[in-house]
PDB file of all heavy atoms in Angstrom:
ATOM      1  N   PHE A   1      -7.259  12.347  -7.861  1.00  0.00           N
ATOM      2  CA  PHE A   1      -6.336  12.461  -6.663  1.00  0.00           C
ATOM      3  C   PHE A   1      -7.178  12.438  -5.326  1.00  0.00           C
ATOM      4  O   PHE A   1      -6.828  11.767  -4.469  1.00  0.00           O
ATOM      5  CB  PHE A   1      -5.524  13.669  -6.823  1.00  0.00           C
ATOM      6  CG  PHE A   1      -4.728  13.963  -5.547  1.00  0.00           C
ATOM      7  CD1 PHE A   1      -3.501  13.254  -5.225  1.00  0.00           C
ATOM      8  CD2 PHE A   1      -5.073  14.910  -4.710  1.00  0.00           C
ATOM      9  CE1 PHE A   1      -2.802  13.550  -4.144  1.00  0.00           C
ATOM     10  CE2 PHE A   1      -4.311  15.180  -3.515  1.00  0.00           C
ATOM     11  CZ  PHE A   1      -3.216  14.437  -3.246  1.00  0.00           C
ATOM     12  N   SER A   2      -8.201  13.309  -5.319  1.00  0.00           N
ATOM     13  CA  SER A   2      -8.986  13.422  -4.117  1.00  0.00           C
ATOM     14  C   SER A   2      -9.709  12.071  -3.788  1.00  0.00           C
ATOM     15  O   SER A   2      -9.726  11.720  -2.599  1.00  0.00           O
ATOM     16  CB  SER A   2      -9.947  14.572  -4.282  1.00  0.00           C
ATOM     17  OG  SER A   2      -9.345  15.803  -4.426  1.00  0.00           O
ATOM     18  N   ILE A   3     -10.215  11.449  -4.731  1.00  0.00           N
ATOM     19  CA  ILE A   3     -10.967  10.133  -4.485  1.00  0.00           C
ATOM     20  C   ILE A   3      -9.976   9.120  -4.013  1.00  0.00           C
ATOM     21  O   ILE A   3     -10.209   8.422  -3.069  1.00  0.00           O
ATOM     22  CB  ILE A   3     -11.598   9.672  -5.803  1.00  0.00           C
ATOM     23  CG1 ILE A   3     -12.878  10.651  -6.102  1.00  0.00           C
ATOM     24  CG2 ILE A   3     -12.129   8.237  -5.665  1.00  0.00           C
ATOM     25  CD1 ILE A   3     -13.459  10.311  -7.461  1.00  0.00           C
ATOM     26  N   ALA A   4      -8.778   9.047  -4.669  1.00  0.00           N
ATOM     27  CA  ALA A   4      -7.781   7.952  -4.320  1.00  0.00           C
ATOM     28  C   ALA A   4      -7.239   8.301  -2.906  1.00  0.00           C
ATOM     29  O   ALA A   4      -7.108   7.312  -2.094  1.00  0.00           O
ATOM     30  CB  ALA A   4      -6.590   8.027  -5.269  1.00  0.00           C
ATOM     31  N   THR A   5      -6.930   9.549  -2.542  1.00  0.00           N
ATOM     32  CA  THR A   5      -6.403   9.777  -1.233  1.00  0.00           C
ATOM     33  C   THR A   5      -7.468   9.651  -0.156  1.00  0.00           C
ATOM     34  O   THR A   5      -7.173   9.218   0.998  1.00  0.00           O
ATOM     35  CB  THR A   5      -5.820  11.170  -1.175  1.00  0.00           C
ATOM     36  OG1 THR A   5      -6.739  12.197  -1.569  1.00  0.00           O
ATOM     37  CG2 THR A   5      -4.539  11.298  -1.971  1.00  0.00           C
ATOM     38  N   THR A   6      -8.750   9.960  -0.529  1.00  0.00           N
ATOM     39  CA  THR A   6      -9.754   9.745   0.474  1.00  0.00           C
ATOM     40  C   THR A   6      -9.991   8.285   0.790  1.00  0.00           C
ATOM     41  O   THR A   6     -10.059   7.844   1.966  1.00  0.00           O
ATOM     42  CB  THR A   6     -11.073  10.367   0.003  1.00  0.00           C
ATOM     43  OG1 THR A   6     -10.935  11.795  -0.166  1.00  0.00           O
ATOM     44  CG2 THR A   6     -12.297  10.093   0.866  1.00  0.00           C
ATOM     45  N   ALA A   7      -9.892   7.447  -0.254  1.00  0.00           N
ATOM     46  CA  ALA A   7     -10.017   5.985  -0.133  1.00  0.00           C
ATOM     47  C   ALA A   7      -8.864   5.494   0.738  1.00  0.00           C
ATOM     48  O   ALA A   7      -9.049   4.637   1.632  1.00  0.00           O
ATOM     49  CB  ALA A   7     -10.020   5.267  -1.437  1.00  0.00           C
ATOM     50  N   TYR A   8      -7.604   6.009   0.465  1.00  0.00           N
ATOM     51  CA  TYR A   8      -6.502   5.619   1.246  1.00  0.00           C
ATOM     52  C   TYR A   8      -6.602   6.010   2.679  1.00  0.00           C
ATOM     53  O   TYR A   8      -6.316   5.188   3.608  1.00  0.00           O
ATOM     54  CB  TYR A   8      -5.228   6.224   0.641  1.00  0.00           C
ATOM     55  CG  TYR A   8      -3.971   5.862   1.490  1.00  0.00           C
ATOM     56  CD1 TYR A   8      -3.333   4.714   1.390  1.00  0.00           C
ATOM     57  CD2 TYR A   8      -3.518   6.866   2.404  1.00  0.00           C
ATOM     58  CE1 TYR A   8      -2.205   4.400   2.172  1.00  0.00           C
ATOM     59  CE2 TYR A   8      -2.420   6.528   3.140  1.00  0.00           C
ATOM     60  CZ  TYR A   8      -1.802   5.328   3.009  1.00  0.00           C
ATOM     61  OH  TYR A   8      -0.726   5.063   3.817  1.00  0.00           O
ATOM     62  N   ILE A   9      -7.117   7.231   2.946  1.00  0.00           N
ATOM     63  CA  ILE A   9      -7.309   7.623   4.314  1.00  0.00           C
ATOM     64  C   ILE A   9      -8.313   6.741   5.070  1.00  0.00           C
ATOM     65  O   ILE A   9      -8.076   6.369   6.189  1.00  0.00           O
ATOM     66  CB  ILE A   9      -7.782   9.140   4.368  1.00  0.00           C
ATOM     67  CG1 ILE A   9      -6.551  10.049   4.060  1.00  0.00           C
ATOM     68  CG2 ILE A   9      -8.467   9.487   5.702  1.00  0.00           C
ATOM     69  CD1 ILE A   9      -6.922  11.449   3.856  1.00  0.00           C
ATOM     70  N   LEU A  10      -9.368   6.412   4.433  1.00  0.00           N
ATOM     71  CA  LEU A  10     -10.401   5.516   5.080  1.00  0.00           C
ATOM     72  C   LEU A  10      -9.784   4.105   5.389  1.00  0.00           C
ATOM     73  O   LEU A  10     -10.083   3.540   6.449  1.00  0.00           O
ATOM     74  CB  LEU A  10     -11.610   5.444   4.209  1.00  0.00           C
ATOM     75  CG  LEU A  10     -12.396   6.773   4.063  1.00  0.00           C
ATOM     76  CD1 LEU A  10     -13.534   6.610   3.145  1.00  0.00           C
ATOM     77  CD2 LEU A  10     -12.872   7.286   5.413  1.00  0.00           C
ATOM     78  N   LEU A  11      -8.974   3.617   4.510  1.00  0.00           N
ATOM     79  CA  LEU A  11      -8.290   2.342   4.774  1.00  0.00           C
ATOM     80  C   LEU A  11      -7.318   2.513   5.845  1.00  0.00           C
ATOM     81  O   LEU A  11      -7.171   1.637   6.748  1.00  0.00           O
ATOM     82  CB  LEU A  11      -7.656   1.798   3.540  1.00  0.00           C
ATOM     83  CG  LEU A  11      -8.585   1.264   2.456  1.00  0.00           C
ATOM     84  CD1 LEU A  11      -7.784   0.967   1.175  1.00  0.00           C
ATOM     85  CD2 LEU A  11      -9.295   0.077   2.943  1.00  0.00           C
ATOM     86  N   ALA A  12      -6.508   3.612   5.818  1.00  0.00           N
ATOM     87  CA  ALA A  12      -5.437   3.849   6.827  1.00  0.00           C
ATOM     88  C   ALA A  12      -6.094   3.953   8.150  1.00  0.00           C
ATOM     89  O   ALA A  12      -5.551   3.490   9.163  1.00  0.00           O
ATOM     90  CB  ALA A  12      -4.691   5.062   6.438  1.00  0.00           C
ATOM     91  N   ILE A  13      -7.207   4.563   8.336  1.00  0.00           N
ATOM     92  CA  ILE A  13      -7.872   4.751   9.628  1.00  0.00           C
ATOM     93  C   ILE A  13      -8.181   3.336  10.167  1.00  0.00           C
ATOM     94  O   ILE A  13      -7.974   3.049  11.435  1.00  0.00           O
ATOM     95  CB  ILE A  13      -9.128   5.580   9.505  1.00  0.00           C
ATOM     96  CG1 ILE A  13      -8.794   7.029   9.283  1.00  0.00           C
ATOM     97  CG2 ILE A  13     -10.078   5.394  10.783  1.00  0.00           C
ATOM     98  CD1 ILE A  13     -10.046   7.913   9.030  1.00  0.00           C
ATOM     99  N   LYS A  14      -8.668   2.390   9.356  1.00  0.00           N
ATOM    100  CA  LYS A  14      -9.009   1.084   9.891  1.00  0.00           C
ATOM    101  C   LYS A  14      -7.732   0.405  10.400  1.00  0.00           C
ATOM    102  O   LYS A  14      -7.735  -0.179  11.519  1.00  0.00           O
ATOM    103  CB  LYS A  14      -9.585   0.255   8.677  1.00  0.00           C
ATOM    104  CG  LYS A  14      -9.932  -1.172   9.036  1.00  0.00           C
ATOM    105  CD  LYS A  14     -10.494  -1.925   7.847  1.00  0.00           C
ATOM    106  CE  LYS A  14     -10.683  -3.359   8.203  1.00  0.00           C
ATOM    107  NZ  LYS A  14     -11.177  -4.141   7.086  1.00  0.00           N
ATOM    108  N   TRP A  15      -6.671   0.518   9.661  1.00  0.00           N
ATOM    109  CA  TRP A  15      -5.404  -0.230  10.105  1.00  0.00           C
ATOM    110  C   TRP A  15      -4.775   0.518  11.293  1.00  0.00           C
ATOM    111  O   TRP A  15      -4.275  -0.088  12.206  1.00  0.00           O
ATOM    112  CB  TRP A  15      -4.403  -0.213   9.014  1.00  0.00           C
ATOM    113  CG  TRP A  15      -4.885  -1.054   7.881  1.00  0.00           C
ATOM    114  CD1 TRP A  15      -5.533  -2.232   7.887  1.00  0.00           C
ATOM    115  CD2 TRP A  15      -4.709  -0.791   6.469  1.00  0.00           C
ATOM    116  NE1 TRP A  15      -5.761  -2.687   6.613  1.00  0.00           N
ATOM    117  CE2 TRP A  15      -5.227  -1.816   5.697  1.00  0.00           C
ATOM    118  CE3 TRP A  15      -4.042   0.250   5.764  1.00  0.00           C
ATOM    119  CZ2 TRP A  15      -5.256  -1.875   4.278  1.00  0.00           C
ATOM    120  CZ3 TRP A  15      -4.049   0.194   4.342  1.00  0.00           C
ATOM    121  CH2 TRP A  15      -4.607  -0.830   3.647  1.00  0.00           C
ATOM    122  N   GLU A  16      -4.858   1.875  11.336  1.00  0.00           N
ATOM    123  CA  GLU A  16      -4.260   2.653  12.391  1.00  0.00           C
ATOM    124  C   GLU A  16      -5.103   2.337  13.695  1.00  0.00           C
ATOM    125  O   GLU A  16      -4.431   2.178  14.714  1.00  0.00           O
ATOM    126  CB  GLU A  16      -4.306   4.119  12.079  1.00  0.00           C
ATOM    127  CG  GLU A  16      -3.690   4.988  13.088  1.00  0.00           C
ATOM    128  CD  GLU A  16      -3.709   6.478  12.749  1.00  0.00           C
ATOM    129  OE1 GLU A  16      -3.825   6.790  11.600  1.00  0.00           O
ATOM    130  OE2 GLU A  16      -3.565   7.303  13.660  1.00  0.00           O
ATOM    131  N   GLU A  17      -6.329   2.326  13.620  1.00  0.00           N
ATOM    132  CA  GLU A  17      -7.154   2.030  14.830  1.00  0.00           C
ATOM    133  C   GLU A  17      -6.965   0.650  15.254  1.00  0.00           C
ATOM    134  O   GLU A  17      -6.912   0.443  16.532  1.00  0.00           O
ATOM    135  CB  GLU A  17      -8.626   2.357  14.584  1.00  0.00           C
ATOM    136  CG  GLU A  17      -8.887   3.864  14.421  1.00  0.00           C
ATOM    137  CD  GLU A  17     -10.270   4.317  14.750  1.00  0.00           C
ATOM    138  OE1 GLU A  17     -11.211   3.504  14.496  1.00  0.00           O
ATOM    139  OE2 GLU A  17     -10.464   5.459  15.130  1.00  0.00           O
ATOM    140  N   ARG A  18      -6.720  -0.308  14.445  1.00  0.00           N
ATOM    141  CA  ARG A  18      -6.456  -1.611  14.846  1.00  0.00           C
ATOM    142  C   ARG A  18      -5.088  -1.661  15.682  1.00  0.00           C
ATOM    143  O   ARG A  18      -4.988  -2.262  16.752  1.00  0.00           O
ATOM    144  CB  ARG A  18      -6.318  -2.590  13.656  1.00  0.00           C
ATOM    145  CG  ARG A  18      -6.023  -4.034  13.998  1.00  0.00           C
ATOM    146  CD  ARG A  18      -5.582  -4.834  12.867  1.00  0.00           C
ATOM    147  NE  ARG A  18      -4.310  -4.286  12.299  1.00  0.00           N
ATOM    148  CZ  ARG A  18      -3.867  -4.357  11.088  1.00  0.00           C
ATOM    149  NH1 ARG A  18      -4.540  -5.041  10.165  1.00  0.00           N
ATOM    150  NH2 ARG A  18      -2.794  -3.798  10.778  1.00  0.00           N
ATOM    151  N   ASP A  19      -4.110  -0.987  15.100  1.00  0.00           N
ATOM    152  CA  ASP A  19      -2.792  -0.919  15.789  1.00  0.00           C
ATOM    153  C   ASP A  19      -2.917  -0.152  17.146  1.00  0.00           C
ATOM    154  O   ASP A  19      -2.266  -0.534  18.135  1.00  0.00           O
ATOM    155  CB  ASP A  19      -1.776  -0.256  14.818  1.00  0.00           C
ATOM    156  CG  ASP A  19      -1.454  -1.106  13.660  1.00  0.00           C
ATOM    157  OD1 ASP A  19      -1.742  -2.306  13.694  1.00  0.00           O
ATOM    158  OD2 ASP A  19      -0.806  -0.621  12.666  1.00  0.00           O
ATOM    159  N   LEU A  20      -3.638   0.902  17.151  1.00  0.00           N
ATOM    160  CA  LEU A  20      -3.753   1.777  18.412  1.00  0.00           C
ATOM    161  C   LEU A  20      -4.509   0.950  19.472  1.00  0.00           C
ATOM    162  O   LEU A  20      -4.103   0.966  20.638  1.00  0.00           O
ATOM    163  CB  LEU A  20      -4.463   3.062  18.098  1.00  0.00           C
ATOM    164  CG  LEU A  20      -3.654   4.114  17.327  1.00  0.00           C
ATOM    165  CD1 LEU A  20      -4.524   5.252  16.801  1.00  0.00           C
ATOM    166  CD2 LEU A  20      -2.545   4.585  18.244  1.00  0.00           C
ATOM    167  N   THR A  21      -5.492   0.240  19.055  1.00  0.00           N
ATOM    168  CA  THR A  21      -6.171  -0.601  20.015  1.00  0.00           C
ATOM    169  C   THR A  21      -5.318  -1.681  20.572  1.00  0.00           C
ATOM    170  O   THR A  21      -5.306  -2.060  21.747  1.00  0.00           O
ATOM    171  CB  THR A  21      -7.507  -1.251  19.411  1.00  0.00           C
ATOM    172  OG1 THR A  21      -8.292  -0.243  18.960  1.00  0.00           O
ATOM    173  CG2 THR A  21      -8.168  -2.179  20.376  1.00  0.00           C
ATOM    174  N   SER A  22      -4.511  -2.332  19.693  1.00  0.00           N
ATOM    175  CA  SER A  22      -3.529  -3.330  20.117  1.00  0.00           C
ATOM    176  C   SER A  22      -2.489  -2.790  21.062  1.00  0.00           C
ATOM    177  O   SER A  22      -2.168  -3.415  22.125  1.00  0.00           O
ATOM    178  CB  SER A  22      -2.915  -3.947  18.889  1.00  0.00           C
ATOM    179  OG  SER A  22      -1.807  -4.813  19.205  1.00  0.00           O
ATOM    180  N   GLU A  23      -2.041  -1.564  20.748  1.00  0.00           N
ATOM    181  CA  GLU A  23      -0.958  -0.976  21.602  1.00  0.00           C
ATOM    182  C   GLU A  23      -1.453  -0.357  22.860  1.00  0.00           C
ATOM    183  O   GLU A  23      -0.874  -0.485  23.913  1.00  0.00           O
ATOM    184  CB  GLU A  23      -0.169   0.137  20.762  1.00  0.00           C
ATOM    185  CG  GLU A  23       0.997   0.613  21.508  1.00  0.00           C
ATOM    186  CD  GLU A  23       1.781   1.570  20.645  1.00  0.00           C
ATOM    187  OE1 GLU A  23       1.896   1.354  19.478  1.00  0.00           O
ATOM    188  OE2 GLU A  23       2.355   2.507  21.240  1.00  0.00           O
ATOM    189  N   LEU A  24      -2.619   0.342  22.801  1.00  0.00           N
ATOM    190  CA  LEU A  24      -3.097   1.100  23.929  1.00  0.00           C
ATOM    191  C   LEU A  24      -4.230   0.468  24.730  1.00  0.00           C
ATOM    192  O   LEU A  24      -4.587   0.880  25.819  1.00  0.00           O
ATOM    193  CB  LEU A  24      -3.518   2.535  23.516  1.00  0.00           C
ATOM    194  CG  LEU A  24      -2.408   3.361  22.827  1.00  0.00           C
ATOM    195  CD1 LEU A  24      -3.030   4.515  22.164  1.00  0.00           C
ATOM    196  CD2 LEU A  24      -1.311   3.658  23.776  1.00  0.00           C
ATOM    197  N   GLY A  25      -4.774  -0.542  24.149  1.00  0.00           N
ATOM    198  CA  GLY A  25      -5.912  -1.428  24.834  1.00  0.00           C
ATOM    199  C   GLY A  25      -7.139  -0.523  25.197  1.00  0.00           C
ATOM    200  O   GLY A  25      -7.666   0.171  24.338  1.00  0.00           O
ATOM    201  N   ASP A  26      -7.567  -0.676  26.433  1.00  0.00           N
ATOM    202  CA  ASP A  26      -8.819  -0.092  26.847  1.00  0.00           C
ATOM    203  C   ASP A  26      -8.853   1.489  26.704  1.00  0.00           C
ATOM    204  O   ASP A  26      -9.878   2.061  26.418  1.00  0.00           O
ATOM    205  CB  ASP A  26      -9.113  -0.466  28.259  1.00  0.00           C
ATOM    206  CG  ASP A  26      -9.583  -1.924  28.386  1.00  0.00           C
ATOM    207  OD1 ASP A  26      -9.932  -2.528  27.393  1.00  0.00           O
ATOM    208  OD2 ASP A  26      -9.443  -2.506  29.460  1.00  0.00           O
ATOM    209  N   ALA A  27      -7.727   2.075  26.962  1.00  0.00           N
ATOM    210  CA  ALA A  27      -7.582   3.533  26.812  1.00  0.00           C
ATOM    211  C   ALA A  27      -8.095   4.011  25.508  1.00  0.00           C
ATOM    212  O   ALA A  27      -8.872   4.933  25.348  1.00  0.00           O
ATOM    213  CB  ALA A  27      -6.222   4.027  27.104  1.00  0.00           C
ATOM    214  N   TYR A  28      -7.606   3.294  24.415  1.00  0.00           N
ATOM    215  CA  TYR A  28      -7.976   3.719  23.058  1.00  0.00           C
ATOM    216  C   TYR A  28      -9.356   3.243  22.778  1.00  0.00           C
ATOM    217  O   TYR A  28     -10.166   3.966  22.110  1.00  0.00           O
ATOM    218  CB  TYR A  28      -7.005   3.218  21.972  1.00  0.00           C
ATOM    219  CG  TYR A  28      -7.295   3.821  20.679  1.00  0.00           C
ATOM    220  CD1 TYR A  28      -6.899   5.149  20.408  1.00  0.00           C
ATOM    221  CD2 TYR A  28      -8.058   3.241  19.664  1.00  0.00           C
ATOM    222  CE1 TYR A  28      -7.225   5.824  19.233  1.00  0.00           C
ATOM    223  CE2 TYR A  28      -8.436   3.834  18.541  1.00  0.00           C
ATOM    224  CZ  TYR A  28      -7.975   5.152  18.263  1.00  0.00           C
ATOM    225  OH  TYR A  28      -8.336   5.791  17.076  1.00  0.00           O
ATOM    226  N   GLU A  29      -9.800   2.096  23.226  1.00  0.00           N
ATOM    227  CA  GLU A  29     -11.224   1.621  22.981  1.00  0.00           C
ATOM    228  C   GLU A  29     -12.202   2.636  23.582  1.00  0.00           C
ATOM    229  O   GLU A  29     -13.179   2.866  23.053  1.00  0.00           O
ATOM    230  CB  GLU A  29     -11.367   0.204  23.580  1.00  0.00           C
ATOM    231  CG  GLU A  29     -11.120  -0.857  22.546  1.00  0.00           C
ATOM    232  CD  GLU A  29     -11.908  -0.762  21.321  1.00  0.00           C
ATOM    233  OE1 GLU A  29     -13.185  -0.565  21.374  1.00  0.00           O
ATOM    234  OE2 GLU A  29     -11.288  -0.874  20.244  1.00  0.00           O
ATOM    235  N   ASN A  30     -11.905   3.062  24.837  1.00  0.00           N
ATOM    236  CA  ASN A  30     -12.806   4.002  25.444  1.00  0.00           C
ATOM    237  C   ASN A  30     -12.915   5.369  24.652  1.00  0.00           C
ATOM    238  O   ASN A  30     -13.956   5.943  24.421  1.00  0.00           O
ATOM    239  CB  ASN A  30     -12.401   4.353  26.939  1.00  0.00           C
ATOM    240  CG  ASN A  30     -12.625   3.101  27.785  1.00  0.00           C
ATOM    241  OD1 ASN A  30     -13.463   2.265  27.528  1.00  0.00           O
ATOM    242  ND2 ASN A  30     -11.801   2.975  28.903  1.00  0.00           N
ATOM    243  N   TYR A  31     -11.753   5.783  24.187  1.00  0.00           N
ATOM    244  CA  TYR A  31     -11.660   7.044  23.401  1.00  0.00           C
ATOM    245  C   TYR A  31     -12.367   6.765  22.091  1.00  0.00           C
ATOM    246  O   TYR A  31     -13.187   7.679  21.680  1.00  0.00           O
ATOM    247  CB  TYR A  31     -10.204   7.269  23.098  1.00  0.00           C
ATOM    248  CG  TYR A  31      -9.895   8.468  22.168  1.00  0.00           C
ATOM    249  CD1 TYR A  31     -10.294   9.724  22.452  1.00  0.00           C
ATOM    250  CD2 TYR A  31      -9.269   8.206  20.910  1.00  0.00           C
ATOM    251  CE1 TYR A  31     -10.025  10.764  21.568  1.00  0.00           C
ATOM    252  CE2 TYR A  31      -8.977   9.302  20.140  1.00  0.00           C
ATOM    253  CZ  TYR A  31      -9.438  10.528  20.399  1.00  0.00           C
ATOM    254  OH  TYR A  31      -9.117  11.565  19.530  1.00  0.00           O
TER     255      TYR A  31
END
């Protein structure tokens, strides 16, 4: 369970950051 959810979290971060960069632009890139 811990390995699977950790892998999911690492993938989710990639997708979430892509979406946040798309939505928030430079503000998120600077952050």
